[in-house]
């Protein structure tokens, strides 16, 4: 977790250092959530990239391990299905779906069987041949909008491992002397859910967005250069 107020105060201090303008709480909340999602989504591209190169056995230094640690907080699992249909609504996932990690179903003997992911076209084609037709020993699924479609149709309950989205960040406040003051006790106050190591990157990304909003190219360029430097250091 990263304290939202700490990030907001750092952003204000840097943005106002040279009288560049004031960032309202409403603007900050919009920029904060955009920055959080940018960093979060980049994890998966970086993970794919780092898996292509040799890792190392040094504790806390392997890039794949570091990214997986950052993603781990977002891993969730849930059982879907009421025993009547092999089509499952992902909207029923409590925490909201970002990516599916794995789908399994349990046999009557209590044995967990992995349901293989496929595309819609391959899914439809597999039904036409006895050799490729999904069975209880070799089930398959594909994603259709907000639905998980499984074959064979006798699979009416599944266990879903998935990655949820980060919660919506919000800097909540009360007005004191015509100025907004943070309200840490507000029910809707929400910290960033990213790893603490991402605090500086968050500040830089929010400043980039702020630079666009207040039409200050210098602020955008300075923050962008600092963000790029951090990215290069991480990937060396």
Protein backbone atom coordinates (compact mmCIF):
# COMPACT_ATOMS: atom_id res chain seq x y z
CA UNK A 1 0.00 0.00 0.00
CA UNK A 2 1.09 3.56 -0.73
CA UNK A 3 -0.50 6.39 1.24
CA UNK A 4 -2.53 8.55 -1.15
CA UNK A 5 -2.01 11.69 0.90
CA UNK A 6 1.77 11.28 0.84
CA UNK A 7 1.71 11.05 -2.96
CA UNK A 8 -0.68 14.01 -3.27
CA UNK A 9 1.48 16.25 -1.09
CA UNK A 10 4.61 15.34 -3.06
CA UNK A 11 2.84 16.04 -6.34
CA UNK A 12 1.61 19.43 -5.08
CA UNK A 13 5.04 20.37 -3.78
CA UNK A 14 6.76 19.52 -7.07
CA UNK A 15 4.08 21.07 -9.26
CA UNK A 16 4.07 24.32 -7.28
CA UNK A 17 7.83 24.54 -6.87
CA UNK A 18 8.06 26.98 -9.76
CA UNK A 19 4.50 28.32 -9.58
CA UNK A 20 3.30 25.86 -12.20
CA UNK A 21 -0.26 25.74 -10.94
CA UNK A 22 -2.53 24.01 -8.47
CA UNK A 23 -3.82 20.48 -8.92
CA UNK A 24 -7.31 20.07 -7.50
CA UNK A 25 -8.32 16.94 -5.56
CA UNK A 26 -10.64 15.98 -8.42
CA UNK A 27 -7.82 16.25 -10.94
CA UNK A 28 -5.44 14.37 -8.67
CA UNK A 29 -7.87 11.48 -8.23
CA UNK A 30 -8.26 11.15 -12.00
CA UNK A 31 -4.50 11.32 -12.60
CA UNK A 32 -3.79 8.97 -9.68
CA UNK A 33 -6.01 6.21 -11.03
CA UNK A 34 -4.65 6.58 -14.53
CA UNK A 35 -1.08 6.37 -13.21
CA UNK A 36 -1.88 3.35 -11.04
CA UNK A 37 -3.41 1.45 -13.97
CA UNK A 38 -0.50 2.36 -16.26
CA UNK A 39 1.99 0.91 -13.78
CA UNK A 40 -0.20 -2.11 -13.02
CA UNK A 41 -0.71 -3.02 -16.68
CA UNK A 42 3.01 -2.62 -17.39
CA UNK A 43 3.74 -5.43 -14.92
CA UNK A 44 2.40 -8.00 -17.37
CA UNK A 45 4.41 -6.71 -20.33
CA UNK A 46 7.55 -6.60 -18.19
CA UNK A 47 6.91 -10.09 -16.85
CA UNK A 48 6.62 -11.45 -20.36
CA UNK A 49 9.84 -9.69 -21.34
CA UNK A 50 11.88 -10.80 -18.32
CA UNK A 51 10.79 -14.42 -18.70
CA UNK A 52 12.61 -14.49 -22.03
CA UNK A 53 15.99 -13.80 -20.45
CA UNK A 54 17.96 -15.83 -17.86
CA UNK A 55 17.14 -15.01 -14.26
CA UNK A 56 19.40 -15.24 -11.24
CA UNK A 57 19.41 -16.92 -7.85
CA UNK A 58 20.05 -13.78 -5.84
CA UNK A 59 17.36 -13.18 -3.23
CA UNK A 60 15.29 -10.04 -3.94
CA UNK A 61 17.11 -9.40 -7.23
CA UNK A 62 15.50 -11.68 -9.81
CA UNK A 63 13.23 -9.41 -11.94
CA UNK A 64 10.61 -12.11 -12.54
CA UNK A 65 10.30 -12.77 -8.79
CA UNK A 66 10.07 -9.04 -8.10
CA UNK A 67 7.23 -8.49 -10.57
CA UNK A 68 5.36 -11.60 -9.44
CA UNK A 69 5.59 -10.30 -5.88
CA UNK A 70 4.00 -7.02 -7.00
CA UNK A 71 1.18 -8.85 -8.76
CA UNK A 72 0.54 -11.37 -5.97
CA UNK A 73 -1.73 -9.05 -3.95
CA UNK A 74 -4.19 -9.00 -6.86
CA UNK A 75 -4.56 -12.79 -7.16
CA UNK A 76 -7.99 -14.05 -6.13
CA UNK A 77 -9.98 -17.29 -6.41
CA UNK A 78 -13.69 -18.01 -6.44
CA UNK A 79 -16.13 -20.76 -7.33
CA UNK A 80 -18.68 -19.99 -10.06
CA UNK A 81 -21.80 -21.87 -11.11
CA UNK A 82 -25.01 -23.14 -9.55
CA UNK A 83 -24.99 -26.58 -11.18
CA UNK A 84 -27.37 -25.68 -14.02
CA UNK A 85 -25.24 -24.23 -16.82
CA UNK A 86 -21.76 -24.44 -18.34
CA UNK A 87 -21.76 -20.70 -19.12
CA UNK A 88 -20.43 -18.59 -16.26
CA UNK A 89 -20.82 -14.84 -15.74
CA UNK A 90 -17.54 -13.12 -14.79
CA UNK A 91 -19.56 -10.23 -13.34
CA UNK A 92 -20.21 -12.55 -10.40
CA UNK A 93 -16.54 -12.46 -9.45
CA UNK A 94 -16.53 -10.46 -6.23
CA UNK A 95 -13.38 -8.46 -6.88
CA UNK A 96 -13.80 -7.76 -10.59
CA UNK A 97 -11.90 -9.54 -13.32
CA UNK A 98 -8.75 -8.18 -14.93
CA UNK A 99 -7.18 -11.42 -16.19
CA UNK A 100 -7.99 -15.09 -15.83
CA UNK A 101 -5.11 -17.14 -14.45
CA UNK A 102 -6.64 -20.61 -14.39
CA UNK A 103 -9.98 -22.39 -14.61
CA UNK A 104 -10.52 -25.80 -12.99
CA UNK A 105 -13.42 -28.07 -12.16
CA UNK A 106 -13.71 -30.84 -9.59
CA UNK A 107 -14.77 -34.36 -10.59
CA UNK A 108 -17.18 -36.39 -8.47
CA UNK A 109 -14.11 -38.02 -6.98
CA UNK A 110 -12.85 -34.61 -5.90
CA UNK A 111 -10.03 -34.51 -8.42
CA UNK A 112 -9.25 -31.07 -9.82
CA UNK A 113 -9.05 -30.94 -13.62
CA UNK A 114 -7.59 -27.95 -15.47
CA UNK A 115 -9.89 -26.46 -18.11
CA UNK A 116 -7.79 -25.48 -21.12
CA UNK A 117 -8.22 -22.02 -22.61
CA UNK A 118 -8.84 -21.72 -26.35
CA UNK A 119 -10.23 -19.27 -28.89
CA UNK A 120 -13.82 -19.09 -30.09
CA UNK A 121 -12.97 -20.51 -33.53
CA UNK A 122 -10.90 -23.40 -32.14
CA UNK A 123 -13.61 -24.03 -29.55
CA UNK A 124 -16.27 -24.38 -32.23
CA UNK A 125 -14.04 -26.47 -34.48
CA UNK A 126 -13.16 -28.88 -31.68
CA UNK A 127 -16.82 -29.85 -31.28
CA UNK A 128 -16.97 -31.28 -34.81
CA UNK A 129 -14.39 -34.05 -34.35
CA UNK A 130 -14.49 -37.00 -31.91
CA UNK A 131 -10.71 -36.68 -31.53
CA UNK A 132 -10.75 -33.04 -30.44
CA UNK A 133 -14.15 -32.82 -28.79
CA UNK A 134 -13.79 -31.61 -25.15
CA UNK A 135 -14.40 -34.28 -22.51
CA UNK A 136 -14.54 -34.35 -18.73
CA UNK A 137 -10.91 -35.45 -18.76
CA UNK A 138 -9.96 -32.74 -21.28
CA UNK A 139 -12.40 -29.83 -20.93
CA UNK A 140 -11.89 -26.43 -22.58
CA UNK A 141 -13.23 -22.89 -22.39
CA UNK A 142 -13.16 -19.56 -24.16
CA UNK A 143 -14.04 -16.03 -23.10
CA UNK A 144 -17.10 -14.43 -24.69
CA UNK A 145 -17.51 -10.82 -23.51
CA UNK A 146 -18.22 -11.27 -19.80
CA UNK A 147 -18.84 -15.02 -19.98
CA UNK A 148 -16.70 -18.13 -19.56
CA UNK A 149 -18.08 -20.79 -21.90
CA UNK A 150 -17.07 -24.36 -21.01
CA UNK A 151 -17.40 -27.71 -22.77
CA UNK A 152 -18.54 -30.34 -22.11
CA UNK A 153 -21.80 -28.82 -20.93
CA UNK A 154 -21.88 -31.19 -17.94
CA UNK A 155 -19.27 -28.95 -16.27
CA UNK A 156 -21.61 -26.71 -14.32
CA UNK A 157 -19.31 -25.44 -11.58
CA UNK A 158 -15.75 -24.15 -11.86
CA UNK A 159 -13.01 -22.78 -9.64
CA UNK A 160 -11.55 -19.58 -11.08
CA UNK A 161 -8.12 -18.17 -10.24
CA UNK A 162 -7.91 -14.62 -11.50
CA UNK A 163 -6.22 -11.26 -11.16
CA UNK A 164 -8.40 -8.37 -10.06
CA UNK A 165 -7.98 -4.69 -10.85
CA UNK A 166 -6.55 -2.33 -8.23
CA UNK A 167 -9.17 -0.50 -6.20
CA UNK A 168 -10.05 3.04 -7.25
CA UNK A 169 -7.74 5.52 -5.54
CA UNK A 170 -9.37 8.47 -3.78
CA UNK A 171 -7.94 11.38 -1.84
CA UNK A 172 -10.91 12.29 0.37
CA UNK A 173 -11.06 15.65 2.07
CA UNK A 174 -12.99 18.19 4.06
CA UNK A 175 -12.89 21.96 3.52
CA UNK A 176 -11.21 23.98 6.29
CA UNK A 177 -10.80 27.70 5.79
CA UNK A 178 -11.74 27.32 2.11
CA UNK A 179 -8.91 24.82 1.62
CA UNK A 180 -9.23 21.04 1.15
CA UNK A 181 -7.70 19.04 3.99
CA UNK A 182 -7.24 15.28 3.83
CA UNK A 183 -9.85 13.19 5.66
CA UNK A 184 -8.17 9.89 6.46
CA UNK A 185 -11.28 8.69 8.29
CA UNK A 186 -13.56 9.05 5.28
CA UNK A 187 -15.20 5.78 4.25
CA UNK A 188 -14.20 6.31 0.62
CA UNK A 189 -10.56 7.22 1.25
CA UNK A 190 -8.47 4.68 -0.66
CA UNK A 191 -4.71 4.25 -0.79
CA UNK A 192 -2.79 3.02 -3.81
CA UNK A 193 -2.57 -0.77 -3.81
CA UNK A 194 0.75 -0.89 -5.62
CA UNK A 195 4.01 -2.06 -4.06
CA UNK A 196 5.71 0.61 -1.89
CA UNK A 197 8.63 0.68 -4.33
CA UNK A 198 6.35 2.30 -6.92
CA UNK A 199 5.83 5.54 -4.97
CA UNK A 200 8.33 7.63 -6.92
CA UNK A 201 7.10 6.28 -10.23
CA UNK A 202 3.53 7.19 -9.26
CA UNK A 203 4.54 10.75 -8.44
CA UNK A 204 6.33 11.15 -11.77
CA UNK A 205 3.46 9.73 -13.81
CA UNK A 206 0.91 11.93 -12.05
CA UNK A 207 3.11 14.97 -12.70
CA UNK A 208 3.25 14.04 -16.38
CA UNK A 209 -0.55 14.00 -16.55
CA UNK A 210 -0.72 17.22 -14.54
CA UNK A 211 1.70 18.86 -16.98
CA UNK A 212 -0.73 18.15 -19.80
CA UNK A 213 -3.72 19.41 -17.79
CA UNK A 214 -2.13 22.73 -16.78
CA UNK A 215 -0.47 23.09 -20.20
CA UNK A 216 3.07 23.07 -18.87
CA UNK A 217 5.31 21.13 -21.29
CA UNK A 218 8.32 21.61 -19.03
CA UNK A 219 6.63 19.78 -16.15
CA UNK A 220 5.62 16.96 -18.50
CA UNK A 221 9.14 16.67 -19.92
CA UNK A 222 10.88 16.76 -16.54
CA UNK A 223 8.57 14.12 -15.07
CA UNK A 224 8.79 12.02 -18.23
CA UNK A 225 12.59 12.11 -18.23
CA UNK A 226 12.70 11.04 -14.57
CA UNK A 227 10.21 8.24 -15.23
CA UNK A 228 12.24 6.98 -18.20
CA UNK A 229 15.40 7.02 -16.11
CA UNK A 230 13.72 4.86 -13.46
CA UNK A 231 12.50 2.42 -16.12
CA UNK A 232 15.99 2.09 -17.61
CA UNK A 233 17.49 1.41 -14.20
CA UNK A 234 14.94 -1.35 -13.55
CA UNK A 235 15.66 -3.08 -16.88
CA UNK A 236 19.45 -2.98 -16.80
